[in-house]
Amino acid sequence: MDSKQMLQQVKYVIFKGMKSITPFSIAAMTLWVILLTLWFWSVGLFDWIITNSFSYFPIIAIIYLAVDILDFIGNKQRACFGR
């Protein structure tokens, strides 16, 4: 597989993974970010006020989206191999 085909495959997987994001997954992501932020704050990982700790929202959101896309890829591979 040359680099052009590989780039096209990556674009396809990312596009399909992004299409798998639903309003429910966005709501779940928001809830998890809030809960993780509150938990990190309660155990002392954030020494400043809680509103500043929400600056980590984009980082956690990107991680969640990456996991969602990887889950889509895993489901696609399981479907291809009949598992």
Protein backbone atom coordinates (compact mmCIF):
# COMPACT_ATOMS: atom_id res chain seq x y z
CA MET A 1 0.00 0.00 0.00
CA ASP A 2 1.50 3.31 -1.02
CA SER A 3 1.23 6.53 0.95
CA LYS A 4 -1.64 7.90 -1.14
CA GLN A 5 -3.80 4.84 -0.50
CA MET A 6 -2.90 4.87 3.19
CA LEU A 7 -3.83 8.56 3.48
CA GLN A 8 -7.13 7.87 1.73
CA GLN A 9 -7.84 4.99 4.15
CA VAL A 10 -7.06 7.21 7.15
CA LYS A 11 -9.40 9.92 5.82
CA TYR A 12 -12.15 7.34 5.31
CA VAL A 13 -11.79 5.92 8.82
CA ILE A 14 -11.75 9.37 10.44
CA PHE A 15 -14.79 10.48 8.42
CA LYS A 16 -16.73 7.33 9.31
CA GLY A 17 -15.68 7.62 12.94
CA MET A 18 -16.82 11.22 13.11
CA LYS A 19 -20.17 10.21 11.60
CA SER A 20 -20.58 7.72 14.46
CA ILE A 21 -20.72 10.58 16.97
CA THR A 22 -24.30 11.08 18.10
CA PRO A 23 -25.95 13.59 20.42
CA PHE A 24 -25.91 10.87 23.08
CA SER A 25 -22.14 10.44 22.76
CA ILE A 26 -21.67 14.21 23.02
CA ALA A 27 -23.83 14.26 26.15
CA ALA A 28 -21.92 11.31 27.58
CA MET A 29 -18.62 13.03 26.79
CA THR A 30 -19.76 16.22 28.53
CA LEU A 31 -20.89 14.28 31.58
CA TRP A 32 -17.61 12.36 31.79
CA VAL A 33 -15.59 15.56 31.44
CA ILE A 34 -17.55 17.20 34.25
CA LEU A 35 -17.28 14.13 36.49
CA LEU A 36 -13.56 13.66 35.80
CA THR A 37 -12.89 17.34 36.41
CA LEU A 38 -14.77 17.26 39.70
CA TRP A 39 -12.96 14.09 40.73
CA PHE A 40 -9.52 15.47 39.81
CA TRP A 41 -10.36 18.65 41.70
CA SER A 42 -11.57 16.74 44.77
CA VAL A 43 -8.37 14.69 45.01
CA GLY A 44 -6.25 17.83 44.74
CA LEU A 45 -4.94 17.61 41.19
CA PHE A 46 -6.24 21.12 40.56
CA ASP A 47 -4.94 23.67 43.05
CA TRP A 48 -6.87 26.53 41.49
CA ILE A 49 -10.57 27.28 41.27
CA ILE A 50 -12.77 24.84 39.41
CA THR A 51 -13.61 27.18 36.54
CA ASN A 52 -9.98 27.22 35.46
CA SER A 53 -9.88 23.43 35.48
CA PHE A 54 -12.49 23.38 32.71
CA SER A 55 -9.72 24.51 30.36
CA TYR A 56 -8.93 20.79 30.19
CA PHE A 57 -12.30 20.14 28.51
CA PRO A 58 -10.91 20.21 24.94
CA ILE A 59 -8.12 17.76 25.85
CA ILE A 60 -10.49 15.28 27.46
CA ALA A 61 -12.99 15.77 24.63
CA ILE A 62 -10.35 14.96 22.00
CA ILE A 63 -9.35 11.84 23.93
CA TYR A 64 -13.00 10.78 24.10
CA LEU A 65 -13.46 11.36 20.35
CA ALA A 66 -10.31 9.35 19.61
CA VAL A 67 -11.63 6.47 21.71
CA ASP A 68 -14.98 6.71 19.89
CA ILE A 69 -13.24 6.54 16.52
CA LEU A 70 -11.06 3.60 17.63
CA ASP A 71 -14.18 1.82 18.87
CA PHE A 72 -15.73 2.33 15.43
CA ILE A 73 -12.61 0.88 13.79
CA GLY A 74 -12.69 -2.11 16.15
CA ASN A 75 -16.35 -2.74 15.39
CA LYS A 76 -15.62 -2.52 11.66
CA GLN A 77 -12.79 -5.05 11.96
CA ARG A 78 -14.93 -7.44 14.01
CA ALA A 79 -17.62 -7.21 11.35
CA CYS A 80 -15.07 -7.97 8.62
CA PHE A 81 -13.70 -11.02 10.43
CA GLY A 82 -17.10 -12.32 11.52
CA ARG A 83 -16.56 -12.01 15.27
